[in-house]
Amino acid sequence: MIATALDHFIAPPSSKLLGWHLLDARPEQGWVRIGFDGKADFCNPAGFIQGGILSAMLDDTMGPAVFVGTEGRLYTATITMTVNFLAPAKPGPIFGEADVTQLGKTVAFVAARLMTADGTLLATATSSARLVETAKAISRERRDVAAVGIGVAVHPSRRGEDAAPQDEV
């Protein structure tokens, strides 16, 4: 797999809970493939993964498509998301793919789908998302840790626990 803006991105706890991991990306196309862990803990009483969890997986696939496609310059804040549940999701590996449909100056339109390992289509989604400069969307501390990870020099006054985080969007 090629290098992407996500290589040194610190995943938030919600993504870690879902077992989020980048499997493939085509930055020039605004496309990503993400793997998730469909845990039994995510199941409803019928034994299927709850729809809200699947929605979170879709959301966590669409945002990274924009991030990768803009080489990490733009972060998304979801405005709308429409989800279509097509088949019940059993515990096990789940794979998400997303494509940036259109990237405007302030809004992106993205489409995604979730599948099982055998290719069964579980759910699809479309979203519109506000585009925010990553530098404004992510706290200074998180950006500095990522920058150090990719070899970018960070001024000592901006590094560590003494640095005040920037206001988040």
N, C-alpha and C. Protein backbone atom coordinates (compact mmCIF):
# COMPACT_ATOMS: atom_id res chain seq x y z
N MET A 1 0.84 -1.19 0.00
CA MET A 1 0.00 0.00 0.00
C MET A 1 0.88 1.25 0.00
N ILE A 2 0.42 2.28 -0.63
CA ILE A 2 1.18 3.53 -0.71
C ILE A 2 1.05 4.34 0.57
N ALA A 3 1.95 5.27 0.76
CA ALA A 3 1.90 6.15 1.93
C ALA A 3 0.73 7.12 1.78
N THR A 4 0.06 7.42 2.91
CA THR A 4 -1.06 8.36 2.90
C THR A 4 -0.95 9.30 4.10
N ALA A 5 -1.80 10.31 4.10
CA ALA A 5 -1.86 11.26 5.21
C ALA A 5 -2.29 10.58 6.51
N LEU A 6 -2.86 9.38 6.43
CA LEU A 6 -3.31 8.68 7.62
C LEU A 6 -2.21 7.87 8.30
N ASP A 7 -1.06 7.76 7.65
CA ASP A 7 0.01 6.92 8.20
C ASP A 7 0.43 7.32 9.60
N HIS A 8 0.38 8.60 9.92
CA HIS A 8 0.80 9.07 11.25
C HIS A 8 -0.32 9.76 11.99
N PHE A 9 -1.54 9.54 11.54
CA PHE A 9 -2.70 10.13 12.18
C PHE A 9 -3.03 9.31 13.43
N ILE A 10 -3.30 9.98 14.51
CA ILE A 10 -3.64 9.30 15.76
C ILE A 10 -5.14 9.03 15.77
N ALA A 11 -5.51 7.78 15.73
CA ALA A 11 -6.93 7.42 15.70
C ALA A 11 -7.59 7.78 17.02
N PRO A 12 -8.80 8.35 16.94
CA PRO A 12 -9.53 8.67 18.17
C PRO A 12 -10.07 7.39 18.83
N PRO A 13 -10.43 7.46 20.10
CA PRO A 13 -10.93 6.27 20.80
C PRO A 13 -12.13 5.62 20.11
N SER A 14 -13.00 6.41 19.52
CA SER A 14 -14.17 5.82 18.85
C SER A 14 -13.74 4.93 17.68
N SER A 15 -12.74 5.34 16.93
CA SER A 15 -12.24 4.52 15.82
C SER A 15 -11.57 3.26 16.34
N LYS A 16 -10.83 3.39 17.43
CA LYS A 16 -10.18 2.23 18.02
C LYS A 16 -11.22 1.23 18.51
N LEU A 17 -12.31 1.72 19.09
CA LEU A 17 -13.39 0.85 19.56
C LEU A 17 -13.95 0.02 18.41
N LEU A 18 -14.07 0.63 17.23
CA LEU A 18 -14.62 -0.06 16.06
C LEU A 18 -13.59 -0.99 15.41
N GLY A 19 -12.34 -0.95 15.86
CA GLY A 19 -11.30 -1.77 15.26
C GLY A 19 -10.82 -1.22 13.92
N TRP A 20 -10.95 0.08 13.74
CA TRP A 20 -10.62 0.76 12.49
C TRP A 20 -9.17 0.51 12.09
N HIS A 21 -8.95 0.10 10.83
CA HIS A 21 -7.60 0.00 10.29
C HIS A 21 -7.64 0.18 8.77
N LEU A 22 -6.72 1.00 8.28
CA LEU A 22 -6.63 1.30 6.86
C LEU A 22 -6.09 0.09 6.12
N LEU A 23 -6.81 -0.33 5.08
CA LEU A 23 -6.40 -1.48 4.29
C LEU A 23 -5.82 -1.07 2.94
N ASP A 24 -6.37 -0.04 2.34
CA ASP A 24 -5.91 0.41 1.04
C ASP A 24 -6.39 1.83 0.81
N ALA A 25 -5.71 2.54 -0.07
CA ALA A 25 -6.11 3.91 -0.38
C ALA A 25 -5.59 4.29 -1.75
N ARG A 26 -6.36 5.14 -2.41
CA ARG A 26 -5.94 5.76 -3.67
C ARG A 26 -6.18 7.26 -3.52
N PRO A 27 -5.22 7.96 -2.93
CA PRO A 27 -5.41 9.38 -2.64
C PRO A 27 -5.82 10.21 -3.85
N GLU A 28 -5.24 9.92 -5.01
CA GLU A 28 -5.56 10.71 -6.20
C GLU A 28 -7.02 10.54 -6.62
N GLN A 29 -7.67 9.48 -6.17
CA GLN A 29 -9.08 9.23 -6.48
C GLN A 29 -10.01 9.54 -5.31
N GLY A 30 -9.46 9.87 -4.14
CA GLY A 30 -10.29 10.09 -2.96
C GLY A 30 -11.01 8.82 -2.54
N TRP A 31 -10.30 7.71 -2.56
CA TRP A 31 -10.88 6.40 -2.26
C TRP A 31 -10.10 5.73 -1.14
N VAL A 32 -10.82 5.08 -0.21
CA VAL A 32 -10.19 4.30 0.85
C VAL A 32 -10.94 2.99 1.06
N ARG A 33 -10.21 2.04 1.61
CA ARG A 33 -10.80 0.77 2.07
C ARG A 33 -10.35 0.61 3.51
N ILE A 34 -11.32 0.46 4.40
CA ILE A 34 -11.08 0.41 5.84
C ILE A 34 -11.59 -0.93 6.38
N GLY A 35 -10.86 -1.52 7.32
CA GLY A 35 -11.32 -2.72 7.99
C GLY A 35 -11.83 -2.38 9.38
N PHE A 36 -12.87 -3.09 9.80
CA PHE A 36 -13.46 -2.92 11.13
C PHE A 36 -13.63 -4.28 11.78
N ASP A 37 -13.67 -4.29 13.11
CA ASP A 37 -13.94 -5.51 13.87
C ASP A 37 -15.41 -5.49 14.28
N GLY A 38 -16.20 -6.34 13.66
CA GLY A 38 -17.61 -6.45 14.02
C GLY A 38 -17.73 -7.32 15.27
N LYS A 39 -17.61 -6.70 16.42
CA LYS A 39 -17.56 -7.41 17.70
C LYS A 39 -18.95 -7.88 18.15
N ALA A 40 -18.97 -9.01 18.84
CA ALA A 40 -20.23 -9.51 19.40
C ALA A 40 -20.82 -8.50 20.38
N ASP A 41 -19.97 -7.71 21.02
CA ASP A 41 -20.44 -6.66 21.94
C ASP A 41 -21.30 -5.61 21.24
N PHE A 42 -21.21 -5.52 19.92
CA PHE A 42 -21.96 -4.53 19.15
C PHE A 42 -23.35 -5.03 18.75
N CYS A 43 -23.69 -6.26 19.12
CA CYS A 43 -24.93 -6.88 18.64
C CYS A 43 -26.17 -6.46 19.44
N ASN A 44 -27.27 -6.43 18.73
CA ASN A 44 -28.59 -6.20 19.35
C ASN A 44 -29.11 -7.55 19.86
N PRO A 45 -30.29 -7.59 20.48
CA PRO A 45 -30.80 -8.86 21.00
C PRO A 45 -31.00 -9.95 19.94
N ALA A 46 -31.15 -9.58 18.68
CA ALA A 46 -31.32 -10.57 17.61
C ALA A 46 -29.99 -11.18 17.17
N GLY A 47 -28.86 -10.65 17.69
CA GLY A 47 -27.56 -11.19 17.35
C GLY A 47 -26.88 -10.52 16.16
N PHE A 48 -27.45 -9.41 15.71
CA PHE A 48 -26.86 -8.68 14.59
C PHE A 48 -26.27 -7.37 15.09
N ILE A 49 -25.25 -6.88 14.38
CA ILE A 49 -24.61 -5.63 14.79
C ILE A 49 -25.61 -4.49 14.65
N GLN A 50 -25.72 -3.73 15.70
CA GLN A 50 -26.69 -2.63 15.80
C GLN A 50 -26.43 -1.60 14.71
N GLY A 51 -27.51 -1.05 14.14
CA GLY A 51 -27.41 -0.11 13.03
C GLY A 51 -26.60 1.14 13.32
N GLY A 52 -26.66 1.62 14.54
CA GLY A 52 -25.88 2.80 14.90
C GLY A 52 -24.38 2.54 14.81
N ILE A 53 -23.98 1.34 15.14
CA ILE A 53 -22.56 0.96 15.04
C ILE A 53 -22.16 0.91 13.56
N LEU A 54 -23.01 0.33 12.72
CA LEU A 54 -22.73 0.29 11.29
C LEU A 54 -22.66 1.71 10.72
N SER A 55 -23.53 2.59 11.20
CA SER A 55 -23.50 3.98 10.76
C SER A 55 -22.18 4.64 11.14
N ALA A 56 -21.70 4.36 12.34
CA ALA A 56 -20.42 4.91 12.78
C ALA A 56 -19.29 4.40 11.89
N MET A 57 -19.35 3.14 11.50
CA MET A 57 -18.34 2.58 10.60
C MET A 57 -18.37 3.30 9.25
N LEU A 58 -19.56 3.53 8.74
CA LEU A 58 -19.68 4.25 7.46
C LEU A 58 -19.12 5.66 7.58
N ASP A 59 -19.46 6.34 8.66
CA ASP A 59 -18.95 7.70 8.88
C ASP A 59 -17.43 7.69 8.99
N ASP A 60 -16.90 6.67 9.66
CA ASP A 60 -15.46 6.54 9.86
C ASP A 60 -14.75 6.02 8.61
N THR A 61 -15.49 5.79 7.54
CA THR A 61 -14.91 5.45 6.25
C THR A 61 -14.94 6.66 5.33
N MET A 62 -16.02 7.43 5.40
CA MET A 62 -16.17 8.57 4.50
C MET A 62 -15.23 9.73 4.84
N GLY A 63 -15.09 10.06 6.11
CA GLY A 63 -14.18 11.14 6.50
C GLY A 63 -12.76 10.89 6.04
N PRO A 64 -12.22 9.69 6.28
CA PRO A 64 -10.86 9.41 5.83
C PRO A 64 -10.67 9.48 4.31
N ALA A 65 -11.72 9.22 3.53
CA ALA A 65 -11.60 9.34 2.08
C ALA A 65 -11.26 10.78 1.70
N VAL A 66 -11.91 11.74 2.35
CA VAL A 66 -11.62 13.15 2.08
C VAL A 66 -10.23 13.50 2.61
N PHE A 67 -9.91 13.06 3.82
CA PHE A 67 -8.61 13.36 4.43
C PHE A 67 -7.46 12.87 3.56
N VAL A 68 -7.57 11.63 3.09
CA VAL A 68 -6.53 11.04 2.23
C VAL A 68 -6.49 11.76 0.88
N GLY A 69 -7.66 12.04 0.33
CA GLY A 69 -7.74 12.69 -0.98
C GLY A 69 -7.19 14.11 -1.00
N THR A 70 -7.16 14.75 0.17
CA THR A 70 -6.62 16.12 0.26
C THR A 70 -5.24 16.13 0.91
N GLU A 71 -4.61 14.97 0.96
CA GLU A 71 -3.28 14.81 1.56
C GLU A 71 -3.22 15.34 2.98
N GLY A 72 -4.31 15.16 3.71
CA GLY A 72 -4.36 15.55 5.12
C GLY A 72 -4.64 17.01 5.37
N ARG A 73 -4.89 17.79 4.34
CA ARG A 73 -5.12 19.23 4.52
C ARG A 73 -6.53 19.53 5.04
N LEU A 74 -7.50 18.66 4.68
CA LEU A 74 -8.88 18.94 5.06
C LEU A 74 -9.47 17.81 5.90
N TYR A 75 -10.18 18.22 6.93
CA TYR A 75 -10.87 17.33 7.87
C TYR A 75 -12.36 17.57 7.65
N THR A 76 -13.18 16.58 7.93
CA THR A 76 -14.62 16.73 7.70
C THR A 76 -15.42 16.75 8.98
N ALA A 77 -16.49 17.51 8.95
CA ALA A 77 -17.51 17.50 10.00
C ALA A 77 -18.81 17.16 9.29
N THR A 78 -19.38 16.02 9.60
CA THR A 78 -20.56 15.53 8.88
C THR A 78 -21.73 16.48 9.06
N ILE A 79 -22.34 16.84 7.94
CA ILE A 79 -23.56 17.68 7.94
C ILE A 79 -24.78 16.77 7.88
N THR A 80 -24.81 15.91 6.86
CA THR A 80 -25.90 14.95 6.72
C THR A 80 -25.31 13.59 6.37
N MET A 81 -26.04 12.55 6.76
CA MET A 81 -25.64 11.20 6.38
C MET A 81 -26.91 10.37 6.23
N THR A 82 -27.08 9.78 5.07
CA THR A 82 -28.21 8.91 4.80
C THR A 82 -27.69 7.49 4.70
N VAL A 83 -28.26 6.59 5.49
CA VAL A 83 -27.80 5.21 5.54
C VAL A 83 -28.92 4.29 5.07
N ASN A 84 -28.55 3.30 4.26
CA ASN A 84 -29.47 2.26 3.82
C ASN A 84 -28.92 0.93 4.31
N PHE A 85 -29.69 0.24 5.15
CA PHE A 85 -29.29 -1.06 5.68
C PHE A 85 -29.85 -2.13 4.75
N LEU A 86 -28.97 -2.94 4.19
CA LEU A 86 -29.37 -3.88 3.15
C LEU A 86 -29.38 -5.34 3.59
N ALA A 87 -28.57 -5.68 4.57
CA ALA A 87 -28.52 -7.06 5.08
C ALA A 87 -28.08 -7.01 6.54
N PRO A 88 -28.54 -7.98 7.33
CA PRO A 88 -28.09 -8.00 8.72
C PRO A 88 -26.60 -8.31 8.81
N ALA A 89 -25.92 -7.63 9.73
CA ALA A 89 -24.48 -7.80 9.90
C ALA A 89 -24.20 -8.69 11.10
N LYS A 90 -23.57 -9.81 10.83
CA LYS A 90 -23.18 -10.73 11.89
C LYS A 90 -21.79 -10.34 12.40
N PRO A 91 -21.45 -10.74 13.62
CA PRO A 91 -20.11 -10.46 14.13
C PRO A 91 -19.04 -11.04 13.21
N GLY A 92 -17.96 -10.30 13.07
CA GLY A 92 -16.85 -10.73 12.22
C GLY A 92 -16.26 -9.53 11.50
N PRO A 93 -15.30 -9.77 10.63
CA PRO A 93 -14.67 -8.66 9.90
C PRO A 93 -15.68 -7.94 9.01
N ILE A 94 -15.58 -6.62 9.00
CA ILE A 94 -16.42 -5.78 8.14
C ILE A 94 -15.49 -4.84 7.40
N PHE A 95 -15.80 -4.61 6.13
CA PHE A 95 -14.95 -3.79 5.29
C PHE A 95 -15.75 -2.62 4.73
N GLY A 96 -15.17 -1.44 4.83
CA GLY A 96 -15.82 -0.25 4.29
C GLY A 96 -15.00 0.33 3.16
N GLU A 97 -15.70 0.83 2.15
CA GLU A 97 -15.06 1.54 1.05
C GLU A 97 -15.79 2.86 0.87
N ALA A 98 -15.03 3.91 0.58
CA ALA A 98 -15.65 5.22 0.36
C ALA A 98 -14.97 5.92 -0.80
N ASP A 99 -15.79 6.70 -1.51
CA ASP A 99 -15.33 7.51 -2.64
C ASP A 99 -15.79 8.94 -2.42
N VAL A 100 -14.90 9.89 -2.66
CA VAL A 100 -15.30 11.29 -2.66
C VAL A 100 -16.00 11.54 -3.99
N THR A 101 -17.28 11.87 -3.92
CA THR A 101 -18.08 12.11 -5.11
C THR A 101 -17.80 13.49 -5.68
N GLN A 102 -17.75 14.48 -4.80
CA GLN A 102 -17.44 15.84 -5.21
C GLN A 102 -16.80 16.58 -4.04
N LEU A 103 -15.75 17.33 -4.35
CA LEU A 103 -15.05 18.11 -3.33
C LEU A 103 -15.17 19.58 -3.72
N GLY A 104 -15.97 20.31 -2.95
CA GLY A 104 -16.13 21.73 -3.21
C GLY A 104 -15.18 22.54 -2.35
N LYS A 105 -15.46 23.84 -2.25
CA LYS A 105 -14.60 24.71 -1.43
C LYS A 105 -14.91 24.56 0.05
N THR A 106 -16.18 24.31 0.40
CA THR A 106 -16.56 24.23 1.80
C THR A 106 -17.30 22.94 2.16
N VAL A 107 -17.74 22.19 1.15
CA VAL A 107 -18.51 20.97 1.40
C VAL A 107 -18.02 19.85 0.49
N ALA A 108 -17.96 18.64 1.05
CA ALA A 108 -17.64 17.44 0.28
C ALA A 108 -18.86 16.54 0.26
N PHE A 109 -19.01 15.80 -0.83
CA PHE A 109 -20.04 14.78 -0.94
C PHE A 109 -19.34 13.44 -1.10
N VAL A 110 -19.73 12.48 -0.28
CA VAL A 110 -19.02 11.20 -0.21
C VAL A 110 -20.03 10.07 -0.19
N ALA A 111 -19.66 8.94 -0.78
CA ALA A 111 -20.48 7.73 -0.76
C ALA A 111 -19.66 6.58 -0.19
N ALA A 112 -20.33 5.69 0.55
CA ALA A 112 -19.62 4.56 1.16
C ALA A 112 -20.50 3.32 1.17
N ARG A 113 -19.84 2.18 1.39
CA ARG A 113 -20.54 0.91 1.51
C ARG A 113 -19.79 0.03 2.50
N LEU A 114 -20.54 -0.81 3.20
CA LEU A 114 -19.96 -1.80 4.12
C LEU A 114 -20.25 -3.18 3.58
N MET A 115 -19.24 -4.06 3.67
CA MET A 115 -19.38 -5.42 3.16
C MET A 115 -18.78 -6.42 4.15
N THR A 116 -19.20 -7.66 3.99
CA THR A 116 -18.58 -8.76 4.74
C THR A 116 -17.38 -9.26 3.95
N ALA A 117 -16.64 -10.19 4.54
CA ALA A 117 -15.47 -10.76 3.87
C ALA A 117 -15.85 -11.47 2.57
N ASP A 118 -17.06 -12.03 2.51
CA ASP A 118 -17.47 -12.73 1.28
C ASP A 118 -18.13 -11.79 0.25
N GLY A 119 -18.13 -10.48 0.54
CA GLY A 119 -18.66 -9.50 -0.41
C GLY A 119 -20.12 -9.14 -0.24
N THR A 120 -20.80 -9.71 0.75
CA THR A 120 -22.20 -9.36 0.99
C THR A 120 -22.30 -7.88 1.36
N LEU A 121 -23.12 -7.16 0.63
CA LEU A 121 -23.31 -5.73 0.89
C LEU A 121 -24.23 -5.56 2.09
N LEU A 122 -23.72 -4.94 3.15
CA LEU A 122 -24.47 -4.75 4.39
C LEU A 122 -25.22 -3.43 4.43
N ALA A 123 -24.56 -2.35 4.01
CA ALA A 123 -25.16 -1.02 4.12
C ALA A 123 -24.43 -0.08 3.17
N THR A 124 -25.16 0.95 2.76
CA THR A 124 -24.57 2.02 1.95
C THR A 124 -24.89 3.35 2.63
N ALA A 125 -24.13 4.37 2.29
CA ALA A 125 -24.39 5.69 2.84
C ALA A 125 -23.89 6.76 1.89
N THR A 126 -24.52 7.91 1.99
CA THR A 126 -24.02 9.11 1.34
C THR A 126 -23.97 10.18 2.41
N SER A 127 -23.04 11.11 2.23
CA SER A 127 -22.97 12.19 3.21
C SER A 127 -22.53 13.48 2.55
N SER A 128 -22.91 14.56 3.21
CA SER A 128 -22.33 15.87 2.90
C SER A 128 -21.57 16.25 4.17
N ALA A 129 -20.41 16.82 3.96
CA ALA A 129 -19.56 17.13 5.11
C ALA A 129 -18.91 18.49 4.92
N ARG A 130 -18.91 19.26 5.99
CA ARG A 130 -18.23 20.55 5.99
C ARG A 130 -16.73 20.30 5.96
N LEU A 131 -16.04 21.05 5.13
CA LEU A 131 -14.58 20.94 5.05
C LEU A 131 -13.95 21.96 5.98
N VAL A 132 -13.04 21.49 6.80
CA VAL A 132 -12.35 22.34 7.77
C VAL A 132 -10.85 22.07 7.62
N GLU A 133 -10.06 23.11 7.64
CA GLU A 133 -8.61 22.91 7.61
C GLU A 133 -8.23 22.04 8.80
N THR A 134 -7.44 21.02 8.54
CA THR A 134 -7.04 20.10 9.60
C THR A 134 -6.40 20.85 10.77
N ALA A 135 -5.62 21.87 10.47
CA ALA A 135 -4.95 22.64 11.52
C ALA A 135 -5.94 23.29 12.48
N LYS A 136 -7.15 23.58 12.01
CA LYS A 136 -8.18 24.18 12.86
C LYS A 136 -9.06 23.12 13.53
N ALA A 137 -9.14 21.94 12.92
CA ALA A 137 -10.06 20.92 13.41
C ALA A 137 -9.47 20.03 14.50
N ILE A 138 -8.17 19.85 14.46
CA ILE A 138 -7.54 18.91 15.38
C ILE A 138 -6.66 19.68 16.35
N SER A 139 -6.73 19.30 17.62
CA SER A 139 -5.97 20.02 18.65
C SER A 139 -4.49 20.07 18.33
N ARG A 140 -3.86 21.11 18.78
CA ARG A 140 -2.44 21.34 18.54
C ARG A 140 -1.62 20.14 19.02
N GLU A 141 -1.93 19.60 20.18
CA GLU A 141 -1.16 18.49 20.73
C GLU A 141 -1.22 17.28 19.81
N ARG A 142 -2.40 16.95 19.30
CA ARG A 142 -2.54 15.80 18.39
C ARG A 142 -1.79 16.04 17.09
N ARG A 143 -1.83 17.29 16.57
CA ARG A 143 -1.11 17.61 15.33
C ARG A 143 0.39 17.50 15.56
N ASP A 144 0.89 17.97 16.69
CA ASP A 144 2.32 17.94 16.96
C ASP A 144 2.83 16.51 17.05
N VAL A 145 2.08 15.63 17.70
CA VAL A 145 2.49 14.23 17.80
C VAL A 145 2.55 13.62 16.41
N ALA A 146 1.57 13.90 15.57
CA ALA A 146 1.56 13.38 14.21
C ALA A 146 2.72 13.97 13.40
N ALA A 147 2.99 15.26 13.57
CA ALA A 147 4.07 15.90 12.83
C ALA A 147 5.42 15.30 13.20
N VAL A 148 5.64 15.06 14.47
CA VAL A 148 6.90 14.45 14.90
C VAL A 148 7.02 13.06 14.29
N GLY A 149 5.89 12.35 14.21
CA GLY A 149 5.90 11.01 13.64
C GLY A 149 6.30 10.99 12.18
N ILE A 150 6.07 12.07 11.44
CA ILE A 150 6.44 12.11 10.03
C ILE A 150 7.70 12.93 9.80
N GLY A 151 8.39 13.29 10.87
CA GLY A 151 9.67 13.96 10.75
C GLY A 151 9.61 15.46 10.57
N VAL A 152 8.51 16.07 10.90
CA VAL A 152 8.39 17.52 10.81
C VAL A 152 8.83 18.12 12.14
N ALA A 153 9.68 19.12 12.09
CA ALA A 153 10.16 19.76 13.31
C ALA A 153 9.03 20.54 13.97
N VAL A 154 8.91 20.39 15.27
CA VAL A 154 7.89 21.10 16.05
C VAL A 154 8.63 21.95 17.07
N HIS A 155 8.33 23.23 17.11
CA HIS A 155 8.98 24.14 18.05
C HIS A 155 8.72 23.65 19.48
N PRO A 156 9.76 23.65 20.34
CA PRO A 156 9.61 23.14 21.70
C PRO A 156 8.47 23.79 22.48
N SER A 157 8.17 25.05 22.21
CA SER A 157 7.09 25.70 22.95
C SER A 157 5.73 25.12 22.59
N ARG A 158 5.66 24.38 21.50
CA ARG A 158 4.39 23.80 21.08
C ARG A 158 4.32 22.32 21.37
N ARG A 159 5.32 21.74 21.98
CA ARG A 159 5.38 20.32 22.21
C ARG A 159 5.09 20.00 23.67
N GLY A 160 4.44 18.88 23.91
CA GLY A 160 4.30 18.38 25.27
C GLY A 160 3.04 18.85 25.98
N GLU A 161 2.99 18.54 27.26
CA GLU A 161 1.80 18.79 28.06
C GLU A 161 1.59 20.26 28.37
N ASP A 162 2.62 21.07 28.28
CA ASP A 162 2.49 22.49 28.60
C ASP A 162 1.80 23.27 27.48
N ALA A 163 1.70 22.66 26.29
CA ALA A 163 1.09 23.35 25.16
C ALA A 163 -0.43 23.36 25.34
N ALA A 164 -1.02 24.51 25.19
CA ALA A 164 -2.47 24.62 25.28
C ALA A 164 -3.10 24.15 23.98
N PRO A 165 -4.07 23.23 24.03
CA PRO A 165 -4.69 22.77 22.81
C PRO A 165 -5.49 23.89 22.15
N GLN A 166 -5.48 23.85 20.82
CA GLN A 166 -6.26 24.84 20.07
C GLN A 166 -7.72 24.50 20.18
N ASP A 167 -8.58 25.50 20.13
CA ASP A 167 -10.01 25.25 20.19
C ASP A 167 -10.40 24.36 19.02
N GLU A 168 -11.26 23.38 19.30
CA GLU A 168 -11.72 22.50 18.25
C GLU A 168 -12.97 23.09 17.61
N VAL A 169 -13.19 22.66 16.38
CA VAL A 169 -14.35 23.14 15.61
C VAL A 169 -15.59 22.45 16.11
